[in-house]
């Protein structure tokens, strides 16, 4: 059966290097228990989110799937992402893990499948990437990409398959802006997607005097200003919240803009030591 073509608002999407379109703003479900995922995703879909980002290791794919099934939103209006976990890497392991995720989500296909971490100590991410290429050719996933891949990891999979990932999802927020990675992604034609786009809500980010001042200027929250900064840099963002008011607040970022001076001031918060999560080059979990 031929799958319906996705229908998304063009002005709120980015075109991937494979020709598909991806919403620039999605809803992330990291650290949301499966028992809560259904109601949180349902609320996000009610507000207007159409991109949902989960992962096998989050252990909430079933809850996400239940919310999607009950939402009444047509499948072609959704963009669903999940990710391959480290211990499932390898060609055959990846194929099995994909099948299991699809089953838990109760979907016929995925919009985006990512290798969650390169996990270089395992030495399997190239074989895993080859499996993703196969899944895309079979039409079981529309787009394929990676997460937390450094420049050397990207070069390895590109050289090994001549296939570009559509997306690299990396830690990215005002205090860790990853300029070299973003520049290389742009050169390759890879979309940069930011996880923890709000710096995991840390006070040193949300309470930063510069951001507070800019937020007051625009009569917006600091979170909205940060998300707007991401969008104006061309990043895809997947903020996470379990609070309905914040889910709605994070979505209300398309009706204002930051000026050049605002952008420069936020850019100036970048810190080479601002990483919050693990370093992909050394992570062994």
Protein backbone atom coordinates (compact mmCIF):
# COMPACT_ATOMS: atom_id res chain seq x y z
CA UNK A 1 0.00 0.00 0.00
CA UNK A 2 1.36 3.39 -1.00
CA UNK A 3 1.96 5.62 2.02
CA UNK A 4 0.34 9.09 1.93
CA UNK A 5 2.66 12.00 1.28
CA UNK A 6 3.33 14.01 4.47
CA UNK A 7 1.51 17.32 4.74
CA UNK A 8 3.31 20.05 6.70
CA UNK A 9 3.20 23.83 6.84
CA UNK A 10 6.12 24.87 4.61
CA UNK A 11 6.96 28.00 6.58
CA UNK A 12 7.39 25.91 9.74
CA UNK A 13 9.54 23.16 8.22
CA UNK A 14 13.00 22.62 6.83
CA UNK A 15 13.76 20.61 3.70
CA UNK A 16 16.10 17.68 4.33
CA UNK A 17 18.78 16.59 1.86
CA UNK A 18 16.59 13.65 0.80
CA UNK A 19 13.73 15.93 -0.28
CA UNK A 20 11.47 15.28 2.72
CA UNK A 21 10.38 18.08 5.02
CA UNK A 22 10.76 18.14 8.81
CA UNK A 23 9.01 20.46 11.29
CA UNK A 24 11.44 22.95 12.82
CA UNK A 25 9.78 22.59 16.23
CA UNK A 26 9.09 19.21 17.78
CA UNK A 27 8.16 17.77 21.14
CA UNK A 28 10.79 15.70 22.95
CA UNK A 29 9.93 13.02 25.51
CA UNK A 30 13.29 12.33 27.17
CA UNK A 31 12.83 11.46 30.86
CA UNK A 32 9.04 11.23 30.55
CA UNK A 33 7.92 7.83 31.95
CA UNK A 34 5.86 5.63 29.67
CA UNK A 35 2.87 5.97 32.01
CA UNK A 36 2.93 9.76 31.48
CA UNK A 37 3.99 9.83 27.83
CA UNK A 38 0.50 9.26 26.47
CA UNK A 39 -1.04 12.29 28.20
CA UNK A 40 1.99 14.52 27.53
CA UNK A 41 2.15 13.69 23.83
CA UNK A 42 -1.63 14.02 23.58
CA UNK A 43 -1.35 17.53 25.02
CA UNK A 44 1.48 18.42 22.64
CA UNK A 45 -0.57 17.24 19.67
CA UNK A 46 -3.59 19.18 20.94
CA UNK A 47 -1.49 22.36 21.13
CA UNK A 48 -0.29 21.87 17.56
CA UNK A 49 3.01 20.00 17.62
CA UNK A 50 3.27 17.56 14.75
CA UNK A 51 6.82 16.26 15.32
CA UNK A 52 7.45 13.84 18.20
CA UNK A 53 10.95 12.70 19.19
CA UNK A 54 11.49 9.56 21.27
CA UNK A 55 14.09 6.79 21.56
CA UNK A 56 14.30 3.16 22.53
CA UNK A 57 16.32 3.98 25.66
CA UNK A 58 13.63 6.42 26.86
CA UNK A 59 11.36 3.41 27.40
CA UNK A 60 8.26 5.36 26.41
CA UNK A 61 7.68 4.40 22.78
CA UNK A 62 4.48 2.55 23.73
CA UNK A 63 3.04 5.62 25.44
CA UNK A 64 3.94 7.76 22.46
CA UNK A 65 2.26 5.24 20.16
CA UNK A 66 -0.91 5.21 22.26
CA UNK A 67 -1.14 9.00 22.12
CA UNK A 68 -0.69 9.01 18.35
CA UNK A 69 -3.31 6.29 17.87
CA UNK A 70 -5.90 8.15 19.95
CA UNK A 71 -5.12 11.66 18.70
CA UNK A 72 -7.20 11.65 15.54
CA UNK A 73 -4.33 13.42 13.76
CA UNK A 74 -3.78 11.86 10.31
CA UNK A 75 -0.55 9.88 10.12
CA UNK A 76 0.64 11.91 7.14
CA UNK A 77 0.42 15.06 9.27
CA UNK A 78 2.90 13.66 11.82
CA UNK A 79 6.68 13.37 11.88
CA UNK A 80 7.80 10.62 14.25
CA UNK A 81 11.43 10.07 15.24
CA UNK A 82 13.00 7.32 17.33
CA UNK A 83 16.56 6.18 17.85
CA UNK A 84 18.77 3.08 17.88
CA UNK A 85 20.34 2.42 21.26
CA UNK A 86 24.05 1.63 21.64
CA UNK A 87 23.77 -1.98 22.71
CA UNK A 88 21.62 -2.76 19.64
CA UNK A 89 24.24 -1.56 17.17
CA UNK A 90 25.52 -3.69 14.29
CA UNK A 91 23.81 -4.46 10.98
CA UNK A 92 21.49 -7.24 12.11
CA UNK A 93 21.00 -5.78 15.56
CA UNK A 94 19.88 -2.50 14.04
CA UNK A 95 17.29 -4.20 11.85
CA UNK A 96 15.89 -6.07 14.85
CA UNK A 97 15.85 -2.93 17.00
CA UNK A 98 14.04 -0.99 14.30
CA UNK A 99 11.35 -3.67 14.06
CA UNK A 100 10.91 -3.65 17.83
CA UNK A 101 10.60 0.15 18.00
CA UNK A 102 8.08 0.18 15.16
CA UNK A 103 6.04 -2.46 16.97
CA UNK A 104 6.08 -0.55 20.25
CA UNK A 105 5.02 2.63 18.47
CA UNK A 106 2.32 0.67 16.59
CA UNK A 107 3.28 2.39 13.34
CA UNK A 108 3.76 1.12 9.80
CA UNK A 109 6.74 3.36 9.10
CA UNK A 110 8.94 6.03 10.69
CA UNK A 111 9.66 9.51 9.44
CA UNK A 112 13.18 9.62 10.91
CA UNK A 113 15.41 6.96 12.49
CA UNK A 114 18.64 8.00 14.18
CA UNK A 115 21.73 6.23 15.53
CA UNK A 116 21.56 7.61 19.07
CA UNK A 117 25.33 7.74 19.78
CA UNK A 118 28.34 6.70 17.71
CA UNK A 119 29.63 4.66 20.68
CA UNK A 120 33.06 4.48 18.99
CA UNK A 121 34.42 1.94 21.47
CA UNK A 122 32.03 -0.63 19.98
CA UNK A 123 33.23 0.02 16.43
CA UNK A 124 29.79 -0.76 15.00
CA UNK A 125 28.30 2.56 13.95
CA UNK A 126 29.25 2.17 10.28
CA UNK A 127 27.51 -1.23 10.11
CA UNK A 128 24.53 0.31 11.89
CA UNK A 129 24.45 3.11 9.33
CA UNK A 130 24.45 0.58 6.49
CA UNK A 131 21.35 -0.99 8.06
CA UNK A 132 19.63 2.40 8.17
CA UNK A 133 20.44 2.92 4.50
CA UNK A 134 18.76 -0.43 3.78
CA UNK A 135 15.68 0.48 5.83
CA UNK A 136 15.31 3.70 3.88
CA UNK A 137 15.63 1.89 0.55
CA UNK A 138 12.91 -0.51 1.68
CA UNK A 139 10.63 2.43 2.45
CA UNK A 140 10.22 1.53 6.10
CA UNK A 141 11.66 4.88 7.17
CA UNK A 142 11.51 8.07 5.12
CA UNK A 143 14.67 9.74 6.41
CA UNK A 144 17.73 8.55 8.30
CA UNK A 145 20.23 10.37 10.42
CA UNK A 146 22.46 10.31 13.46
CA UNK A 147 22.72 11.83 16.90
CA UNK A 148 25.79 12.98 18.82
CA UNK A 149 28.09 12.28 15.87
CA UNK A 150 31.35 14.23 15.72
CA UNK A 151 32.94 15.30 12.45
CA UNK A 152 35.14 12.19 12.30
CA UNK A 153 32.13 9.91 12.89
CA UNK A 154 30.20 11.65 10.12
CA UNK A 155 33.13 11.32 7.74
CA UNK A 156 33.40 7.60 8.45
CA UNK A 157 29.80 6.80 7.54
CA UNK A 158 29.80 9.09 4.52
CA UNK A 159 33.04 7.59 3.17
CA UNK A 160 31.79 4.08 3.93
CA UNK A 161 28.43 4.36 2.15
CA UNK A 162 28.42 7.56 0.06
CA UNK A 163 25.16 8.31 1.86
CA UNK A 164 24.61 11.53 3.83
CA UNK A 165 22.59 11.56 7.02
CA UNK A 166 19.67 13.96 6.77
CA UNK A 167 20.03 15.11 10.40
CA UNK A 168 22.59 15.18 13.19
CA UNK A 169 20.92 15.70 16.57
CA UNK A 170 23.43 17.17 19.02
CA UNK A 171 23.55 18.96 22.35
CA UNK A 172 23.13 22.61 21.45
CA UNK A 173 22.05 25.63 23.50
CA UNK A 174 23.30 29.21 23.99
CA UNK A 175 26.02 28.12 26.42
CA UNK A 176 27.23 25.36 24.08
CA UNK A 177 26.60 26.59 20.56
CA UNK A 178 28.75 24.05 18.66
CA UNK A 179 29.77 26.44 15.86
CA UNK A 180 32.31 24.08 14.20
CA UNK A 181 29.76 21.25 14.08
CA UNK A 182 27.07 23.53 12.69
CA UNK A 183 29.42 24.85 10.02
CA UNK A 184 30.38 21.34 8.94
CA UNK A 185 26.74 20.26 8.87
CA UNK A 186 25.95 23.21 6.62
CA UNK A 187 28.82 22.27 4.30
CA UNK A 188 27.50 18.71 4.06
CA UNK A 189 23.85 19.76 3.73
CA UNK A 190 22.92 18.09 7.03
CA UNK A 191 20.26 19.65 9.24
CA UNK A 192 21.36 20.46 12.80
CA UNK A 193 18.83 19.37 15.41
CA UNK A 194 19.29 20.54 19.00
CA UNK A 195 18.67 18.32 21.99
CA UNK A 196 18.45 20.06 25.36
CA UNK A 197 17.86 23.30 23.42
CA UNK A 198 17.11 25.10 26.70
CA UNK A 199 20.23 23.84 28.45
CA UNK A 200 18.10 21.39 30.45
CA UNK A 201 16.43 24.33 32.13
CA UNK A 202 19.45 25.14 34.29
CA UNK A 203 19.27 28.38 36.24
CA UNK A 204 22.54 29.63 34.76
CA UNK A 205 20.81 29.54 31.39
CA UNK A 206 17.19 30.45 32.09
CA UNK A 207 18.30 32.95 34.73
CA UNK A 208 21.05 34.53 32.64
CA UNK A 209 20.86 38.32 32.84
CA UNK A 210 21.32 38.81 29.09
CA UNK A 211 18.54 36.38 28.23
CA UNK A 212 16.24 37.82 30.91
CA UNK A 213 16.76 41.31 29.47
CA UNK A 214 16.06 40.22 25.90
CA UNK A 215 12.98 38.32 27.05
CA UNK A 216 11.65 41.40 28.84
CA UNK A 217 12.26 43.49 25.72
CA UNK A 218 10.06 41.16 23.66
CA UNK A 219 7.60 40.41 26.48
CA UNK A 220 8.37 36.74 26.14
CA UNK A 221 9.76 34.05 28.40
CA UNK A 222 13.47 33.24 28.38
CA UNK A 223 12.61 29.78 27.00
CA UNK A 224 10.76 31.34 24.07
CA UNK A 225 13.70 33.64 23.33
CA UNK A 226 16.15 30.72 23.34
CA UNK A 227 13.94 28.64 21.06
CA UNK A 228 13.54 31.59 18.72
CA UNK A 229 17.34 32.00 18.67
CA UNK A 230 17.59 28.37 17.54
CA UNK A 231 15.04 28.79 14.77
CA UNK A 232 16.74 31.92 13.42
CA UNK A 233 20.00 29.98 13.24
CA UNK A 234 18.24 27.28 11.22
CA UNK A 235 18.23 24.61 13.92
CA UNK A 236 15.45 22.10 14.50
CA UNK A 237 14.47 22.05 18.19
CA UNK A 238 12.73 19.48 20.41
CA UNK A 239 12.03 21.09 23.80
CA UNK A 240 10.62 18.82 26.47
CA UNK A 241 8.18 19.63 29.23
CA UNK A 242 5.52 17.67 31.09
CA UNK A 243 3.70 20.85 32.13
CA UNK A 244 0.78 21.80 29.83
CA UNK A 245 1.38 25.56 30.18
CA UNK A 246 5.02 25.19 29.18
CA UNK A 247 4.22 22.81 26.35
CA UNK A 248 1.99 25.55 24.93
CA UNK A 249 4.48 28.33 25.71
CA UNK A 250 7.30 26.54 23.90
CA UNK A 251 5.11 26.22 20.81
CA UNK A 252 4.29 29.94 20.66
CA UNK A 253 7.51 31.12 19.02
CA UNK A 254 6.57 31.76 15.41
CA UNK A 255 4.94 35.16 15.92
CA UNK A 256 7.97 37.24 16.95
CA UNK A 257 11.59 37.69 15.88
CA UNK A 258 14.90 38.59 17.49
CA UNK A 259 16.86 41.41 15.91
CA UNK A 260 20.52 41.22 14.90
CA UNK A 261 21.71 42.70 18.18
CA UNK A 262 19.69 40.16 20.18
CA UNK A 263 21.20 37.35 18.16
CA UNK A 264 24.76 38.64 18.66
CA UNK A 265 24.28 38.99 22.40
CA UNK A 266 22.95 35.43 22.71
CA UNK A 267 25.75 34.14 20.48
CA UNK A 268 28.15 35.74 22.94
CA UNK A 269 27.06 33.37 25.71
CA UNK A 270 28.81 30.44 24.02
CA UNK A 271 31.35 28.61 26.18
CA UNK A 272 33.62 25.79 25.04
CA UNK A 273 33.13 24.27 28.50
CA UNK A 274 29.37 24.58 28.41
CA UNK A 275 28.65 20.95 27.57
CA UNK A 276 26.07 19.39 29.92
CA UNK A 277 25.84 15.87 28.52
CA UNK A 278 28.46 13.27 27.68
CA UNK A 279 31.21 13.82 25.13
CA UNK A 280 30.42 11.57 22.11
CA UNK A 281 34.14 10.99 21.51
CA UNK A 282 34.63 9.30 24.88
CA UNK A 283 31.17 8.07 25.93
CA UNK A 284 31.17 4.31 26.52
CA UNK A 285 27.67 3.62 27.86
